[in-house]
C-alpha atoms as a PDB file:
ATOM      1  CA  MET A   1      67.452 107.787  70.699  1.00  0.00           C
ATOM      2  CA  LEU A   2      68.417 110.546  73.126  1.00  0.00           C
ATOM      3  CA  GLY A   3      66.105 109.130  75.794  1.00  0.00           C
ATOM      4  CA  ALA A   4      67.924 105.781  75.773  1.00  0.00           C
ATOM      5  CA  VAL A   5      71.263 107.285  76.794  1.00  0.00           C
ATOM      6  CA  PRO A   6      70.134 108.663  80.190  1.00  0.00           C
ATOM      7  CA  LEU A   7      68.331 105.381  80.858  1.00  0.00           C
ATOM      8  CA  ARG A   8      71.530 103.418  80.137  1.00  0.00           C
ATOM      9  CA  VAL A   9      73.522 105.723  82.386  1.00  0.00           C
ATOM     10  CA  ALA A  10      70.975 105.415  85.174  1.00  0.00           C
ATOM     11  CA  LEU A  11      70.912 101.617  84.898  1.00  0.00           C
ATOM     12  CA  SER A  12      74.721 101.480  84.822  1.00  0.00           C
ATOM     13  CA  VAL A  13      74.994 103.644  87.936  1.00  0.00           C
ATOM     14  CA  LEU A  14      72.355 101.526  89.675  1.00  0.00           C
ATOM     15  CA  ALA A  15      74.172  98.290  88.766  1.00  0.00           C
ATOM     16  CA  LEU A  16      77.515  99.675  89.983  1.00  0.00           C
ATOM     17  CA  ALA A  17      75.946 100.800  93.240  1.00  0.00           C
ATOM     18  CA  ALA A  18      74.386  97.375  93.764  1.00  0.00           C
ATOM     19  CA  LEU A  19      77.621  95.531  92.974  1.00  0.00           C
ATOM     20  CA  SER A  20      79.737  97.750  95.206  1.00  0.00           C
ATOM     21  CA  GLY A  21      78.096  96.095  98.197  1.00  0.00           C
ATOM     22  CA  CYS A  22      79.819  92.857  97.152  1.00  0.00           C
ATOM     23  CA  ALA A  23      83.286  94.381  97.516  1.00  0.00           C
ATOM     24  CA  ALA A  24      85.563  92.911 100.158  1.00  0.00           C
ATOM     25  CA  HIS A  25      85.767  94.995 103.302  1.00  0.00           C
ATOM     26  CA  TYR A  26      88.691  94.625 105.648  1.00  0.00           C
ATOM     27  CA  THR A  27      88.785  95.349 109.344  1.00  0.00           C
ATOM     28  CA  SER A  28      91.363  97.730 110.739  1.00  0.00           C
ATOM     29  CA  ALA A  29      93.128  94.791 112.408  1.00  0.00           C
ATOM     30  CA  SER A  30      93.666  92.992 109.101  1.00  0.00           C
ATOM     31  CA  THR A  31      94.893  96.080 107.273  1.00  0.00           C
ATOM     32  CA  ALA A  32      97.405  96.924 109.990  1.00  0.00           C
ATOM     33  CA  GLU A  33      99.826  94.295 108.649  1.00  0.00           C
ATOM     34  CA  PRO A  34      98.993  93.403 105.028  1.00  0.00           C
ATOM     35  CA  TYR A  35     100.819  90.618 103.236  1.00  0.00           C
ATOM     36  CA  GLY A  36     104.153  91.810 101.826  1.00  0.00           C
ATOM     37  CA  PHE A  37     106.999  90.622  99.616  1.00  0.00           C
ATOM     38  CA  PHE A  38     108.043  87.568 101.644  1.00  0.00           C
ATOM     39  CA  SER A  39     104.450  86.446 102.099  1.00  0.00           C
ATOM     40  CA  GLY A  40     104.109  86.733  98.325  1.00  0.00           C
ATOM     41  CA  ILE A  41     107.089  84.416  97.861  1.00  0.00           C
ATOM     42  CA  TRP A  42     105.541  81.902 100.248  1.00  0.00           C
ATOM     43  CA  HIS A  43     102.095  82.100  98.626  1.00  0.00           C
ATOM     44  CA  GLY A  44     103.667  81.656  95.196  1.00  0.00           C
ATOM     45  CA  ALA A  45     105.632  78.634  96.391  1.00  0.00           C
ATOM     46  CA  ILE A  46     102.516  76.941  97.793  1.00  0.00           C
ATOM     47  CA  PHE A  47     100.332  77.986  94.853  1.00  0.00           C
ATOM     48  CA  PHE A  48      99.847  74.421  93.617  1.00  0.00           C
ATOM     49  CA  PHE A  49      98.551  73.226  96.994  1.00  0.00           C
ATOM     50  CA  ALA A  50      96.362  76.305  97.434  1.00  0.00           C
ATOM     51  CA  ALA A  51      94.869  75.796  93.968  1.00  0.00           C
ATOM     52  CA  ILE A  52      94.048  72.149  94.753  1.00  0.00           C
ATOM     53  CA  GLY A  53      92.519  73.139  98.103  1.00  0.00           C
ATOM     54  CA  ASN A  54      90.514  75.912  96.465  1.00  0.00           C
ATOM     55  CA  LEU A  55      89.240  73.505  93.805  1.00  0.00           C
ATOM     56  CA  ILE A  56      88.224  70.929  96.436  1.00  0.00           C
ATOM     57  CA  SER A  57      86.444  73.638  98.438  1.00  0.00           C
ATOM     58  CA  TRP A  58      84.631  74.835  95.313  1.00  0.00           C
ATOM     59  CA  VAL A  59      83.459  71.336  94.339  1.00  0.00           C
ATOM     60  CA  LEU A  60      82.303  70.467  97.861  1.00  0.00           C
ATOM     61  CA  GLY A  61      80.428  73.765  98.013  1.00  0.00           C
ATOM     62  CA  PHE A  62      78.026  72.425  95.373  1.00  0.00           C
ATOM     63  CA  VAL A  63      76.840  69.712  97.756  1.00  0.00           C
ATOM     64  CA  GLY A  64      76.714  72.028 100.755  1.00  0.00           C
ATOM     65  CA  ILE A  65      79.897  70.885 102.507  1.00  0.00           C
ATOM     66  CA  SER A  66      82.040  73.641 104.025  1.00  0.00           C
ATOM     67  CA  PHE A  67      85.595  72.324 103.876  1.00  0.00           C
ATOM     68  CA  LEU A  68      88.775  74.364 103.318  1.00  0.00           C
ATOM     69  CA  ASP A  69      86.774  77.590 103.054  1.00  0.00           C
ATOM     70  CA  SER A  70      89.658  79.714 104.271  1.00  0.00           C
ATOM     71  CA  VAL A  71      92.033  78.557 101.501  1.00  0.00           C
ATOM     72  CA  ALA A  72      92.757  81.347  99.015  1.00  0.00           C
ATOM     73  CA  ILE A  73      95.225  81.580  96.170  1.00  0.00           C
ATOM     74  CA  ILE A  74      96.095  85.268  96.667  1.00  0.00           C
ATOM     75  CA  GLY A  75      96.513  86.718 100.160  1.00  0.00           C
ATOM     76  CA  ARG A  76      94.384  89.789 100.784  1.00  0.00           C
ATOM     77  CA  PRO A  77      94.893  92.510 101.884  1.00  0.00           C
ATOM     78  CA  ASN A  78      98.365  92.775 100.409  1.00  0.00           C
ATOM     79  CA  THR A  79     100.878  95.526  99.709  1.00  0.00           C
ATOM     80  CA  GLY A  80     100.352  95.482  95.951  1.00  0.00           C
ATOM     81  CA  SER A  81     103.286  95.397  93.561  1.00  0.00           C
ATOM     82  CA  SER A  82     105.826  94.051  96.037  1.00  0.00           C
ATOM     83  CA  TYR A  83     103.489  91.217  97.049  1.00  0.00           C
ATOM     84  CA  TYR A  84     102.797  90.293  93.426  1.00  0.00           C
ATOM     85  CA  PHE A  85     106.505  90.414  92.555  1.00  0.00           C
ATOM     86  CA  GLY A  86     107.207  88.023  95.443  1.00  0.00           C
ATOM     87  CA  PHE A  87     104.302  85.853  94.295  1.00  0.00           C
ATOM     88  CA  ALA A  88     105.794  85.659  90.806  1.00  0.00           C
ATOM     89  CA  LEU A  89     109.195  84.717  92.256  1.00  0.00           C
ATOM     90  CA  GLY A  90     107.528  82.003  94.331  1.00  0.00           C
ATOM     91  CA  LEU A  91     105.822  80.657  91.219  1.00  0.00           C
ATOM     92  CA  CYS A  92     109.225  80.463  89.545  1.00  0.00           C
ATOM     93  CA  ALA A  93     110.094  77.726  92.042  1.00  0.00           C
ATOM     94  CA  TYR A  94     107.959  75.365  89.920  1.00  0.00           C
ATOM     95  CA  GLY A  95     109.189  76.374  86.488  1.00  0.00           C
ATOM     96  CA  GLY A  96     112.879  76.729  87.140  1.00  0.00           C
ATOM     97  CA  GLY A  97     114.866  79.224  85.107  1.00  0.00           C
ATOM     98  CA  ALA A  98     115.237  79.990  81.455  1.00  0.00           C
ATOM     99  CA  ARG A  99     118.104  78.297  79.642  1.00  0.00           C
END
């Protein structure tokens, strides 16, 4: 049983190393001005249209058609919490307020 633990650890480390190559890498030009609070509001407000465009792009990808490939739901790179707070406020444009 003791021999299985180092093998699991080795396989886990190998899998993590292989998957880390799939991580998104940003150029220095794109990280110079990441999306902020107001971009988050805008992206939240257009969420419905971005989701439809993303769905269309995904479906057309199955038949080999590259259309609307640059449409994303979340803007990356972003500033983190302030972007997501703005995104949530933009989403509130669809739901209205609580009564």
